[in-house]
N, C-alpha and C. Protein backbone atom coordinates (compact mmCIF):
# COMPACT_ATOMS: atom_id res chain seq x y z
N UNK A 1 2.73 -2.26 -10.21
CA UNK A 1 2.45 -2.87 -9.07
C UNK A 1 1.19 -4.13 -9.60
N UNK A 2 1.38 -5.30 -9.21
CA UNK A 2 0.47 -6.12 -9.24
C UNK A 2 0.42 -7.27 -8.24
N UNK A 3 -0.76 -7.80 -8.04
CA UNK A 3 -1.32 -8.61 -6.82
C UNK A 3 -1.46 -9.78 -7.20
N UNK A 4 -1.29 -10.80 -6.24
CA UNK A 4 -1.98 -12.33 -6.47
C UNK A 4 -2.42 -12.69 -5.15
N UNK A 5 -2.97 -13.90 -4.84
CA UNK A 5 -3.31 -14.10 -3.84
C UNK A 5 -2.52 -15.49 -3.28
N UNK A 6 -2.50 -15.64 -1.98
CA UNK A 6 -1.59 -16.66 -1.03
C UNK A 6 -2.46 -17.87 -1.71
N UNK A 7 -1.78 -19.09 -1.72
CA UNK A 7 -2.38 -20.24 -2.39
C UNK A 7 -2.98 -21.23 -1.09
N UNK A 8 -2.51 -21.07 -0.17
CA UNK A 8 -2.94 -21.57 1.19
C UNK A 8 -2.84 -20.74 2.43
N UNK A 9 -3.27 -21.10 3.50
CA UNK A 9 -3.32 -20.50 4.57
C UNK A 9 -4.50 -19.60 4.86
N UNK A 10 -4.27 -17.91 4.75
CA UNK A 10 -5.16 -17.09 4.98
C UNK A 10 -5.76 -16.40 3.55
N UNK A 11 -5.22 -16.90 2.47
CA UNK A 11 -5.69 -16.39 1.32
C UNK A 11 -5.70 -14.93 1.22
N UNK A 12 -4.57 -14.35 1.78
CA UNK A 12 -4.50 -13.00 1.61
C UNK A 12 -3.85 -12.22 0.54
N UNK A 13 -4.31 -11.14 0.09
CA UNK A 13 -3.39 -10.70 -1.15
C UNK A 13 -1.99 -10.41 -0.92
N UNK A 14 -1.42 -10.57 -2.13
CA UNK A 14 0.08 -10.59 -1.89
C UNK A 14 0.83 -9.63 -2.90
N UNK A 15 1.91 -9.14 -3.05
CA UNK A 15 2.57 -8.53 -3.81
C UNK A 15 3.15 -9.66 -5.00
N UNK A 16 2.53 -9.48 -6.21
CA UNK A 16 3.16 -10.39 -6.87
C UNK A 16 4.32 -9.58 -7.96
N UNK A 17 4.13 -8.54 -8.00
CA UNK A 17 5.51 -7.85 -8.62
C UNK A 17 5.14 -6.30 -8.43
N UNK A 18 6.47 -5.58 -8.11
CA UNK A 18 6.18 -4.29 -7.44
C UNK A 18 7.56 -3.68 -8.06
N UNK A 19 7.55 -2.55 -8.67
CA UNK A 19 8.72 -1.71 -9.29
C UNK A 19 8.38 -0.25 -8.73
N UNK A 20 9.54 0.42 -8.17
CA UNK A 20 9.39 1.93 -8.06
C UNK A 20 10.87 2.42 -8.73
N UNK A 21 10.07 3.52 -9.58
CA UNK A 21 11.35 4.01 -10.33
C UNK A 21 11.36 5.46 -10.00
N UNK A 22 12.53 6.22 -10.05
CA UNK A 22 12.79 7.63 -10.14
C UNK A 22 13.52 7.74 -11.33
N UNK A 23 12.71 8.35 -12.23
CA UNK A 23 13.26 8.56 -13.67
C UNK A 23 13.42 7.10 -14.18
N UNK A 24 14.75 7.02 -14.57
CA UNK A 24 15.01 5.50 -15.08
C UNK A 24 15.77 4.71 -14.03
N UNK A 25 15.90 5.31 -13.14
CA UNK A 25 16.36 4.27 -11.89
C UNK A 25 15.73 3.64 -11.20
N UNK A 26 15.97 2.66 -10.72
CA UNK A 26 14.94 1.47 -10.34
C UNK A 26 15.34 1.61 -8.88
N UNK A 27 14.39 2.06 -7.96
CA UNK A 27 14.50 2.00 -6.54
C UNK A 27 14.33 0.72 -5.83
N UNK A 28 13.30 0.12 -6.08
CA UNK A 28 13.05 -1.34 -5.66
C UNK A 28 12.26 -2.19 -6.65
N UNK A 29 12.37 -3.25 -6.74
CA UNK A 29 12.03 -4.26 -7.76
C UNK A 29 11.76 -5.51 -6.61
N UNK A 30 10.55 -5.74 -6.64
CA UNK A 30 9.95 -6.99 -5.66
C UNK A 30 9.46 -7.81 -6.64
N UNK A 31 9.32 -9.08 -6.23
CA UNK A 31 9.80 -9.93 -5.01
C UNK A 31 11.33 -9.89 -5.19
N UNK A 32 12.09 -9.73 -4.17
CA UNK A 32 13.39 -9.77 -4.18
C UNK A 32 14.05 -11.21 -3.33
N UNK A 33 15.24 -11.08 -2.97
CA UNK A 33 15.84 -11.81 -2.22
C UNK A 33 15.26 -12.03 -0.70
N UNK A 34 15.12 -10.91 -0.10
CA UNK A 34 14.58 -10.60 0.95
C UNK A 34 13.11 -11.19 1.18
N UNK A 35 12.37 -10.87 0.06
CA UNK A 35 11.05 -11.65 0.22
C UNK A 35 11.00 -12.97 -0.05
N UNK A 36 12.10 -13.64 -0.75
CA UNK A 36 12.02 -14.86 -0.81
C UNK A 36 12.47 -15.68 0.78
N UNK A 37 13.23 -14.96 1.30
CA UNK A 37 13.54 -15.44 2.51
C UNK A 37 12.35 -15.24 3.57
N UNK A 38 11.80 -14.18 3.54
CA UNK A 38 10.55 -13.92 4.33
C UNK A 38 9.37 -13.44 3.67
N UNK A 39 8.42 -14.67 3.09
CA UNK A 39 7.48 -14.36 2.19
C UNK A 39 6.34 -13.58 3.04
N UNK A 40 6.33 -13.52 4.21
CA UNK A 40 5.40 -12.46 5.14
C UNK A 40 5.50 -10.96 4.61
N UNK A 41 6.67 -10.46 4.14
CA UNK A 41 6.95 -9.34 3.78
C UNK A 41 5.92 -9.08 2.32
N UNK A 42 5.56 -9.88 1.71
CA UNK A 42 4.97 -9.83 0.57
C UNK A 42 3.40 -9.40 0.69
N UNK A 43 3.08 -9.45 1.91
CA UNK A 43 1.53 -9.08 2.19
C UNK A 43 1.39 -7.34 2.48
N UNK A 44 2.56 -6.85 2.25
CA UNK A 44 2.65 -5.24 2.40
C UNK A 44 3.45 -4.62 1.33
N UNK A 45 3.10 -3.70 0.47
CA UNK A 45 3.62 -3.14 -0.43
C UNK A 45 4.99 -2.26 0.21
N UNK A 46 5.80 -1.91 -0.69
CA UNK A 46 7.01 -1.29 -0.18
C UNK A 46 6.58 0.08 0.33
N UNK A 47 5.78 0.60 -0.50
CA UNK A 47 4.91 1.77 0.30
C UNK A 47 4.58 1.70 1.42
N UNK A 48 4.00 0.73 1.97
CA UNK A 48 3.65 0.51 3.29
C UNK A 48 4.47 0.13 4.49
N UNK A 49 5.69 -0.39 3.87
CA UNK A 49 6.68 -0.76 4.69
C UNK A 49 7.90 0.42 5.07
N UNK A 50 7.80 1.03 6.00
CA UNK A 50 8.64 1.94 6.35
C UNK A 50 9.92 1.80 6.21
N UNK A 51 10.37 0.64 6.51
CA UNK A 51 11.61 0.30 6.42
C UNK A 51 12.16 0.26 4.77
N UNK A 52 11.25 0.24 3.86
CA UNK A 52 11.64 0.16 2.53
C UNK A 52 11.57 1.29 1.89
N UNK A 53 10.63 2.27 2.34
CA UNK A 53 10.01 3.38 1.61
C UNK A 53 10.63 4.73 1.93
N UNK A 54 11.97 4.67 2.55
CA UNK A 54 12.74 5.78 2.91
C UNK A 54 12.75 6.82 1.64
N UNK A 55 13.37 5.99 0.56
CA UNK A 55 13.79 7.11 -0.35
C UNK A 55 12.64 7.43 -1.25
N UNK A 56 11.55 7.16 -0.95
CA UNK A 56 10.11 7.46 -1.82
C UNK A 56 9.30 7.65 -0.65
N UNK A 57 9.36 7.70 0.51
CA UNK A 57 8.30 8.23 1.56
C UNK A 57 7.23 9.29 1.30
N UNK A 58 7.84 10.42 0.53
CA UNK A 58 6.98 11.48 0.22
C UNK A 58 5.63 11.03 -0.43
N UNK A 59 5.94 10.14 -1.24
CA UNK A 59 4.71 9.27 -2.10
C UNK A 59 3.85 8.73 -1.27
N UNK A 60 4.52 7.80 -0.15
CA UNK A 60 3.67 7.00 0.42
C UNK A 60 3.03 8.13 1.64
N UNK A 61 3.52 9.18 1.91
CA UNK A 61 2.61 10.06 2.65
C UNK A 61 1.75 10.70 1.90
N UNK A 62 1.97 10.99 0.78
CA UNK A 62 0.74 11.88 -0.10
C UNK A 62 -0.26 10.80 -0.29
N UNK A 63 -0.04 9.37 -0.83
CA UNK A 63 -0.91 8.57 -1.02
C UNK A 63 -1.85 8.38 0.30
N UNK A 64 -1.16 8.28 1.29
CA UNK A 64 -1.90 7.92 2.48
C UNK A 64 -3.03 9.11 2.77
N UNK A 65 -2.61 10.23 2.78
CA UNK A 65 -3.33 11.57 2.87
C UNK A 65 -4.56 11.50 1.90
N UNK A 66 -4.13 11.26 0.58
CA UNK A 66 -5.03 11.23 -0.52
C UNK A 66 -6.22 10.06 -0.21
N UNK A 67 -5.69 8.76 0.04
CA UNK A 67 -6.82 7.81 0.22
C UNK A 67 -7.64 8.02 1.60
N UNK A 68 -7.29 8.91 2.51
CA UNK A 68 -7.98 9.11 3.50
C UNK A 68 -8.96 10.23 3.32
N UNK A 69 -8.46 11.19 2.39
CA UNK A 69 -9.55 12.14 1.74
C UNK A 69 -10.72 11.75 1.08
N UNK A 70 -10.34 10.51 0.16
CA UNK A 70 -11.06 9.75 -0.87
C UNK A 70 -11.99 9.19 0.27
N UNK A 71 -11.60 8.23 0.87
CA UNK A 71 -12.48 7.46 2.14
C UNK A 71 -13.44 8.54 2.68
N UNK A 72 -12.97 9.75 3.24
CA UNK A 72 -14.03 10.62 3.67
C UNK A 72 -14.99 11.27 2.94
N UNK A 73 -14.54 11.41 1.82
CA UNK A 73 -15.59 11.97 0.59
C UNK A 73 -16.78 10.89 0.46
N UNK A 74 -16.14 9.49 0.25
CA UNK A 74 -16.95 8.49 -0.06
C UNK A 74 -17.90 8.18 1.28
N UNK A 75 -17.42 8.07 2.27
CA UNK A 75 -18.16 8.14 3.20
C UNK A 75 -19.54 9.00 3.47
N UNK A 76 -19.18 10.40 3.27
CA UNK A 76 -19.97 11.55 3.23
C UNK A 76 -21.00 11.50 2.40
N UNK A 77 -20.87 10.98 1.16
CA UNK A 77 -21.83 10.58 0.13
C UNK A 77 -22.85 9.46 0.50
N UNK A 78 -22.11 8.79 1.09
CA UNK A 78 -23.16 7.35 1.50
C UNK A 78 -23.68 7.65 2.71
N UNK A 79 -22.96 8.03 3.74
CA UNK A 79 -23.68 8.25 5.08
C UNK A 79 -23.41 9.63 5.74
N UNK A 80 -24.26 10.45 5.51
CA UNK A 80 -24.13 11.65 5.99
C UNK A 80 -23.89 11.99 7.33
N UNK A 81 -24.92 11.29 8.10
CA UNK A 81 -24.91 11.12 9.52
C UNK A 81 -23.78 10.63 10.06
N UNK A 82 -22.93 9.84 9.59
CA UNK A 82 -21.52 9.25 9.91
C UNK A 82 -20.76 10.15 10.23
N UNK A 83 -20.64 11.06 9.10
CA UNK A 83 -19.56 12.29 8.83
C UNK A 83 -19.89 13.23 9.74
N UNK A 84 -21.02 13.50 10.01
CA UNK A 84 -21.64 14.54 11.00
C UNK A 84 -20.85 14.02 12.59
N UNK A 85 -21.34 12.67 12.77
CA UNK A 85 -20.85 12.32 14.13
C UNK A 85 -19.15 12.21 14.16
N UNK A 86 -18.48 12.08 12.81
CA UNK A 86 -17.25 12.35 12.98
C UNK A 86 -16.49 13.56 13.27
N UNK A 87 -17.28 14.57 12.86
CA UNK A 87 -16.96 15.92 12.86
C UNK A 87 -17.16 16.39 14.29
N UNK A 88 -18.05 15.63 15.07
CA UNK A 88 -18.09 15.98 16.29
C UNK A 88 -19.39 16.78 16.66
């Protein structure tokens, strides 16, 4: 996966190249024709797009949980009082 930036407009990060493989089989390679027809799709990775990640959604679900755990741990390192308030 590699990212670039929009040249104009909102200057958002966009997917420059994304390949999802299972073994040697390529499941998704982007940008593709659909991305060319609708460049807004490139502001999200295939992992983020439910319509695209059906064949490998288990990876997206794992990463989503992992990122939340990392965020929570980083938050607890830097602001213990914020974590206490999140726990109730």
